[in-house]
């Protein structure tokens, strides 16, 4: 199992920006599939963005053109840059890691709260 530690959550005003970070332990980070999920109160956890070992990215329609996922393999860290945030982006954000895009073995971080409010 990979250990994932998230940081960067907090309170942000609508239209503002926030960057989440997730640092992983273990080996072979560069080939791992990484993703960010979120879960709002009373709702199911949903995929926000993902990035494969090769760098291919995927986004939920609700965050396209506002959020950007990236990775720094030397630092074993994946980022989620959140721009033009909306109140509906309020949720606990979870980092996810799998050995590859085709693997069903998931590792999860503890979650970081993001609250968008004026």
N, C-alpha and C. Protein backbone atom coordinates (compact mmCIF):
# COMPACT_ATOMS: atom_id res chain seq x y z
N UNK A 1 0.83 -1.20 0.00
CA UNK A 1 0.00 0.00 0.00
C UNK A 1 0.87 1.25 0.00
N UNK A 2 0.40 2.24 -0.71
CA UNK A 2 1.08 3.52 -0.77
C UNK A 2 0.45 4.46 0.26
N UNK A 3 1.27 5.21 0.96
CA UNK A 3 0.76 6.22 1.89
C UNK A 3 0.66 7.55 1.16
N UNK A 4 -0.49 8.20 1.30
CA UNK A 4 -0.74 9.47 0.62
C UNK A 4 -1.06 10.53 1.65
N UNK A 5 -0.42 11.68 1.54
CA UNK A 5 -0.66 12.78 2.47
C UNK A 5 -1.04 14.02 1.68
N UNK A 6 -2.27 14.49 1.92
CA UNK A 6 -2.77 15.67 1.22
C UNK A 6 -2.55 16.92 2.05
N UNK A 7 -2.48 18.05 1.36
CA UNK A 7 -2.39 19.34 2.02
C UNK A 7 -2.92 20.41 1.09
N UNK A 8 -3.19 21.59 1.64
CA UNK A 8 -3.58 22.73 0.81
C UNK A 8 -5.04 23.11 0.86
N UNK A 9 -5.85 22.35 1.56
CA UNK A 9 -7.26 22.71 1.65
C UNK A 9 -7.47 23.93 2.52
N UNK A 10 -8.71 24.42 2.51
CA UNK A 10 -9.04 25.57 3.34
C UNK A 10 -10.26 26.29 2.83
N UNK A 11 -10.41 27.51 3.30
CA UNK A 11 -11.54 28.37 2.92
C UNK A 11 -11.10 29.32 1.82
N UNK A 12 -11.88 29.40 0.76
CA UNK A 12 -11.57 30.29 -0.35
C UNK A 12 -12.87 30.93 -0.83
N UNK A 13 -12.75 32.16 -1.29
CA UNK A 13 -13.93 32.87 -1.78
C UNK A 13 -14.28 32.42 -3.19
N UNK A 14 -15.54 32.52 -3.56
CA UNK A 14 -15.92 32.21 -4.95
C UNK A 14 -15.10 33.03 -5.93
N UNK A 15 -14.65 32.36 -6.98
CA UNK A 15 -13.80 33.01 -7.97
C UNK A 15 -12.33 32.96 -7.65
N UNK A 16 -12.00 32.50 -6.47
CA UNK A 16 -10.60 32.43 -6.05
C UNK A 16 -9.91 31.16 -6.51
N UNK A 17 -8.68 31.00 -6.01
CA UNK A 17 -7.85 29.85 -6.40
C UNK A 17 -7.30 29.15 -5.17
N UNK A 18 -6.98 27.87 -5.36
CA UNK A 18 -6.42 27.06 -4.29
C UNK A 18 -5.62 25.94 -4.96
N UNK A 19 -4.52 25.52 -4.34
CA UNK A 19 -3.76 24.40 -4.87
C UNK A 19 -3.64 23.31 -3.82
N UNK A 20 -4.08 22.14 -4.18
CA UNK A 20 -3.95 20.96 -3.32
C UNK A 20 -2.71 20.18 -3.73
N UNK A 21 -2.07 19.57 -2.72
CA UNK A 21 -0.90 18.73 -2.97
C UNK A 21 -1.13 17.37 -2.33
N UNK A 22 -0.54 16.36 -2.94
CA UNK A 22 -0.61 15.00 -2.40
C UNK A 22 0.76 14.35 -2.61
N UNK A 23 1.42 14.01 -1.51
CA UNK A 23 2.74 13.39 -1.58
C UNK A 23 2.63 11.93 -1.23
N UNK A 24 3.26 11.10 -2.05
CA UNK A 24 3.17 9.65 -1.89
C UNK A 24 4.46 9.06 -1.36
N UNK A 25 4.32 7.95 -0.65
CA UNK A 25 5.49 7.18 -0.23
C UNK A 25 5.69 6.04 -1.21
N UNK A 26 6.75 5.30 -1.02
CA UNK A 26 6.95 4.10 -1.81
C UNK A 26 7.66 4.34 -3.13
N UNK A 27 7.74 3.27 -3.89
CA UNK A 27 8.50 3.28 -5.14
C UNK A 27 7.59 3.37 -6.36
N UNK A 28 8.23 3.56 -7.50
CA UNK A 28 7.56 3.54 -8.80
C UNK A 28 6.45 4.58 -8.91
N UNK A 29 6.65 5.74 -8.25
CA UNK A 29 5.62 6.78 -8.31
C UNK A 29 5.38 7.21 -9.76
N UNK A 30 6.44 7.26 -10.54
CA UNK A 30 6.33 7.83 -11.89
C UNK A 30 5.38 7.06 -12.80
N UNK A 31 5.14 5.80 -12.49
CA UNK A 31 4.25 5.03 -13.35
C UNK A 31 2.87 4.84 -12.74
N UNK A 32 2.67 5.37 -11.56
CA UNK A 32 1.38 5.20 -10.89
C UNK A 32 0.33 6.14 -11.48
N UNK A 33 -0.88 5.66 -11.54
CA UNK A 33 -2.01 6.51 -11.92
C UNK A 33 -2.47 7.26 -10.68
N UNK A 34 -2.55 8.57 -10.79
CA UNK A 34 -2.93 9.41 -9.66
C UNK A 34 -4.22 10.15 -9.98
N UNK A 35 -5.00 10.43 -8.96
CA UNK A 35 -6.28 11.12 -9.19
C UNK A 35 -6.71 11.89 -7.95
N UNK A 36 -7.59 12.82 -8.19
CA UNK A 36 -8.29 13.53 -7.11
C UNK A 36 -9.77 13.23 -7.21
N UNK A 37 -10.36 12.86 -6.09
CA UNK A 37 -11.79 12.68 -5.95
C UNK A 37 -12.30 13.70 -4.94
N UNK A 38 -13.60 13.87 -4.90
CA UNK A 38 -14.19 14.73 -3.88
C UNK A 38 -15.53 14.15 -3.44
N UNK A 39 -15.90 14.50 -2.21
CA UNK A 39 -17.18 14.05 -1.68
C UNK A 39 -17.80 15.19 -0.89
N UNK A 40 -18.95 15.64 -1.37
CA UNK A 40 -19.70 16.68 -0.69
C UNK A 40 -20.69 16.03 0.27
N UNK A 41 -21.14 16.74 1.29
CA UNK A 41 -22.09 16.16 2.25
C UNK A 41 -23.34 15.62 1.55
N UNK A 42 -23.68 14.38 1.88
CA UNK A 42 -24.87 13.78 1.32
C UNK A 42 -24.73 13.28 -0.10
N UNK A 43 -23.54 13.37 -0.65
CA UNK A 43 -23.32 12.94 -2.04
C UNK A 43 -22.27 11.84 -2.09
N UNK A 44 -22.25 11.14 -3.22
CA UNK A 44 -21.27 10.10 -3.41
C UNK A 44 -19.93 10.71 -3.81
N UNK A 45 -18.87 9.95 -3.54
CA UNK A 45 -17.55 10.39 -3.97
C UNK A 45 -17.48 10.38 -5.49
N UNK A 46 -16.89 11.42 -6.06
CA UNK A 46 -16.81 11.52 -7.51
C UNK A 46 -15.40 11.86 -7.96
N UNK A 47 -15.06 11.39 -9.16
CA UNK A 47 -13.77 11.69 -9.74
C UNK A 47 -13.73 13.14 -10.20
N UNK A 48 -12.68 13.85 -9.83
CA UNK A 48 -12.48 15.22 -10.24
C UNK A 48 -11.51 15.30 -11.41
N UNK A 49 -10.36 14.66 -11.25
CA UNK A 49 -9.33 14.69 -12.28
C UNK A 49 -8.37 13.53 -12.06
N UNK A 50 -7.76 13.07 -13.15
CA UNK A 50 -6.80 11.98 -13.06
C UNK A 50 -5.63 12.26 -13.99
N UNK A 51 -4.49 11.66 -13.66
CA UNK A 51 -3.31 11.78 -14.50
C UNK A 51 -2.57 10.45 -14.49
N UNK A 52 -2.33 9.93 -15.68
CA UNK A 52 -1.64 8.66 -15.82
C UNK A 52 -0.13 8.85 -15.68
N UNK A 53 0.57 7.71 -15.58
CA UNK A 53 2.01 7.80 -15.47
C UNK A 53 2.64 8.52 -16.65
N UNK A 54 2.05 8.36 -17.82
CA UNK A 54 2.56 9.01 -19.02
C UNK A 54 2.15 10.46 -19.16
N UNK A 55 1.28 10.93 -18.26
CA UNK A 55 0.88 12.33 -18.26
C UNK A 55 -0.49 12.62 -18.83
N UNK A 56 -1.16 11.60 -19.36
CA UNK A 56 -2.50 11.82 -19.90
C UNK A 56 -3.45 12.22 -18.77
N UNK A 57 -4.22 13.27 -19.00
CA UNK A 57 -5.13 13.77 -17.98
C UNK A 57 -6.59 13.59 -18.38
N UNK A 58 -7.43 13.58 -17.36
CA UNK A 58 -8.87 13.45 -17.58
C UNK A 58 -9.56 14.28 -16.51
N UNK A 59 -10.66 14.96 -16.90
CA UNK A 59 -11.36 15.83 -15.97
C UNK A 59 -12.86 15.59 -16.00
N UNK A 60 -13.49 15.79 -14.85
CA UNK A 60 -14.94 15.83 -14.80
C UNK A 60 -15.41 17.07 -15.55
N UNK A 61 -16.55 16.95 -16.20
CA UNK A 61 -17.07 18.08 -16.98
C UNK A 61 -17.25 19.32 -16.11
N UNK A 62 -17.58 19.12 -14.85
CA UNK A 62 -17.88 20.25 -13.97
C UNK A 62 -16.65 21.09 -13.63
N UNK A 63 -15.44 20.55 -13.87
CA UNK A 63 -14.24 21.30 -13.50
C UNK A 63 -13.35 21.59 -14.70
N UNK A 64 -13.73 21.11 -15.87
CA UNK A 64 -12.92 21.38 -17.07
C UNK A 64 -12.74 22.88 -17.25
N UNK A 65 -11.57 23.27 -17.67
CA UNK A 65 -11.21 24.67 -17.93
C UNK A 65 -11.07 25.50 -16.66
N UNK A 66 -11.27 24.88 -15.48
CA UNK A 66 -11.07 25.58 -14.21
C UNK A 66 -9.99 24.93 -13.35
N UNK A 67 -9.93 23.62 -13.37
CA UNK A 67 -8.97 22.88 -12.55
C UNK A 67 -7.89 22.28 -13.45
N UNK A 68 -6.71 22.08 -12.87
CA UNK A 68 -5.62 21.44 -13.60
C UNK A 68 -4.88 20.48 -12.68
N UNK A 69 -4.71 19.25 -13.14
CA UNK A 69 -3.95 18.25 -12.38
C UNK A 69 -2.56 18.14 -13.00
N UNK A 70 -1.56 18.00 -12.14
CA UNK A 70 -0.19 17.85 -12.63
C UNK A 70 0.58 16.99 -11.64
N UNK A 71 1.77 16.56 -12.04
CA UNK A 71 2.56 15.71 -11.16
C UNK A 71 4.03 16.09 -11.27
N UNK A 72 4.74 15.92 -10.17
CA UNK A 72 6.19 16.10 -10.11
C UNK A 72 6.76 14.78 -9.62
N UNK A 73 7.25 13.97 -10.55
CA UNK A 73 7.69 12.63 -10.18
C UNK A 73 8.92 12.66 -9.26
N UNK A 74 9.76 13.65 -9.40
CA UNK A 74 10.93 13.75 -8.54
C UNK A 74 10.53 13.98 -7.08
N UNK A 75 9.43 14.67 -6.88
CA UNK A 75 8.93 14.95 -5.53
C UNK A 75 7.85 13.97 -5.09
N UNK A 76 7.49 13.03 -6.00
CA UNK A 76 6.42 12.06 -5.70
C UNK A 76 5.15 12.79 -5.27
N UNK A 77 4.82 13.82 -5.98
CA UNK A 77 3.71 14.68 -5.60
C UNK A 77 2.80 14.94 -6.79
N UNK A 78 1.50 14.92 -6.53
CA UNK A 78 0.51 15.31 -7.52
C UNK A 78 -0.21 16.54 -6.99
N UNK A 79 -0.56 17.43 -7.90
CA UNK A 79 -1.20 18.69 -7.54
C UNK A 79 -2.56 18.82 -8.20
N UNK A 80 -3.41 19.60 -7.57
CA UNK A 80 -4.66 20.00 -8.19
C UNK A 80 -4.78 21.50 -8.04
N UNK A 81 -4.59 22.21 -9.14
CA UNK A 81 -4.75 23.66 -9.16
C UNK A 81 -6.22 23.95 -9.43
N UNK A 82 -6.84 24.65 -8.48
CA UNK A 82 -8.26 24.95 -8.57
C UNK A 82 -8.42 26.45 -8.80
N UNK A 83 -8.95 26.83 -9.93
CA UNK A 83 -9.18 28.23 -10.26
C UNK A 83 -10.66 28.49 -10.45
N UNK A 84 -11.05 29.75 -10.31
CA UNK A 84 -12.46 30.16 -10.50
C UNK A 84 -13.38 29.23 -9.73
N UNK A 85 -13.07 28.99 -8.47
CA UNK A 85 -13.85 28.04 -7.68
C UNK A 85 -15.26 28.56 -7.45
N UNK A 86 -16.16 27.60 -7.26
CA UNK A 86 -17.57 27.89 -7.05
C UNK A 86 -18.02 27.26 -5.73
N UNK A 87 -19.11 27.74 -5.15
CA UNK A 87 -19.60 27.12 -3.91
C UNK A 87 -19.85 25.62 -4.06
N UNK A 88 -20.24 25.19 -5.25
CA UNK A 88 -20.49 23.75 -5.46
C UNK A 88 -19.21 22.93 -5.50
N UNK A 89 -18.05 23.57 -5.46
CA UNK A 89 -16.79 22.84 -5.36
C UNK A 89 -16.48 22.46 -3.90
N UNK A 90 -17.29 22.94 -2.97
CA UNK A 90 -17.09 22.62 -1.56
C UNK A 90 -17.23 21.11 -1.33
N UNK A 91 -16.20 20.52 -0.74
CA UNK A 91 -16.19 19.07 -0.53
C UNK A 91 -14.91 18.69 0.20
N UNK A 92 -14.86 17.45 0.63
CA UNK A 92 -13.58 16.87 1.07
C UNK A 92 -12.92 16.27 -0.17
N UNK A 93 -11.69 16.66 -0.41
CA UNK A 93 -10.95 16.20 -1.57
C UNK A 93 -9.97 15.10 -1.16
N UNK A 94 -10.02 14.00 -1.90
CA UNK A 94 -9.19 12.83 -1.59
C UNK A 94 -8.21 12.55 -2.72
N UNK A 95 -7.00 12.26 -2.36
CA UNK A 95 -6.00 11.81 -3.31
C UNK A 95 -6.11 10.29 -3.47
N UNK A 96 -5.95 9.83 -4.69
CA UNK A 96 -6.06 8.40 -5.00
C UNK A 96 -4.86 7.98 -5.83
N UNK A 97 -4.40 6.76 -5.57
CA UNK A 97 -3.28 6.23 -6.33
C UNK A 97 -3.51 4.76 -6.68
N UNK A 98 -3.18 4.39 -7.89
CA UNK A 98 -3.23 3.01 -8.34
C UNK A 98 -1.93 2.66 -9.04
N UNK A 99 -1.52 1.39 -9.01
CA UNK A 99 -0.26 1.01 -9.66
C UNK A 99 -0.23 1.37 -11.15
N UNK A 100 -1.40 1.33 -11.80
CA UNK A 100 -1.49 1.70 -13.21
C UNK A 100 -2.94 2.07 -13.50
N UNK A 101 -3.21 2.57 -14.66
CA UNK A 101 -4.58 2.98 -15.00
C UNK A 101 -5.53 1.79 -15.07
N UNK A 102 -4.98 0.59 -15.26
CA UNK A 102 -5.83 -0.60 -15.38
C UNK A 102 -5.96 -1.38 -14.07
N UNK A 103 -5.33 -0.87 -13.02
CA UNK A 103 -5.35 -1.59 -11.75
C UNK A 103 -6.57 -1.21 -10.93
N UNK A 104 -7.06 -2.18 -10.16
CA UNK A 104 -8.19 -1.94 -9.26
C UNK A 104 -7.73 -1.81 -7.82
N UNK A 105 -6.42 -1.76 -7.60
CA UNK A 105 -5.86 -1.63 -6.26
C UNK A 105 -5.73 -0.15 -5.95
N UNK A 106 -6.57 0.33 -5.02
CA UNK A 106 -6.61 1.75 -4.70
C UNK A 106 -5.96 2.05 -3.36
N UNK A 107 -5.25 3.17 -3.33
CA UNK A 107 -4.78 3.74 -2.08
C UNK A 107 -5.39 5.13 -1.97
N UNK A 108 -5.77 5.51 -0.73
CA UNK A 108 -6.44 6.79 -0.52
C UNK A 108 -5.73 7.61 0.54
N UNK A 109 -5.78 8.91 0.37
CA UNK A 109 -5.32 9.81 1.41
C UNK A 109 -6.43 10.03 2.43
N UNK A 110 -6.12 10.83 3.44
CA UNK A 110 -7.09 11.05 4.52
C UNK A 110 -8.12 12.11 4.17
N UNK A 111 -7.88 12.87 3.11
CA UNK A 111 -8.83 13.89 2.69
C UNK A 111 -8.47 15.27 3.23
N UNK A 112 -8.80 16.28 2.45
CA UNK A 112 -8.59 17.67 2.88
C UNK A 112 -9.83 18.47 2.51
N UNK A 113 -10.30 19.26 3.46
CA UNK A 113 -11.54 20.01 3.28
C UNK A 113 -11.30 21.26 2.46
N UNK A 114 -12.15 21.46 1.45
CA UNK A 114 -12.16 22.69 0.67
C UNK A 114 -13.55 23.31 0.82
N UNK A 115 -13.58 24.54 1.28
CA UNK A 115 -14.84 25.25 1.46
C UNK A 115 -14.80 26.54 0.65
N UNK A 116 -15.78 26.68 -0.24
CA UNK A 116 -15.87 27.87 -1.07
C UNK A 116 -17.05 28.69 -0.57
N UNK A 117 -16.74 29.84 0.01
CA UNK A 117 -17.79 30.66 0.60
C UNK A 117 -17.30 32.09 0.76
N UNK A 118 -18.23 33.02 0.65
CA UNK A 118 -17.89 34.42 0.88
C UNK A 118 -18.16 34.81 2.32
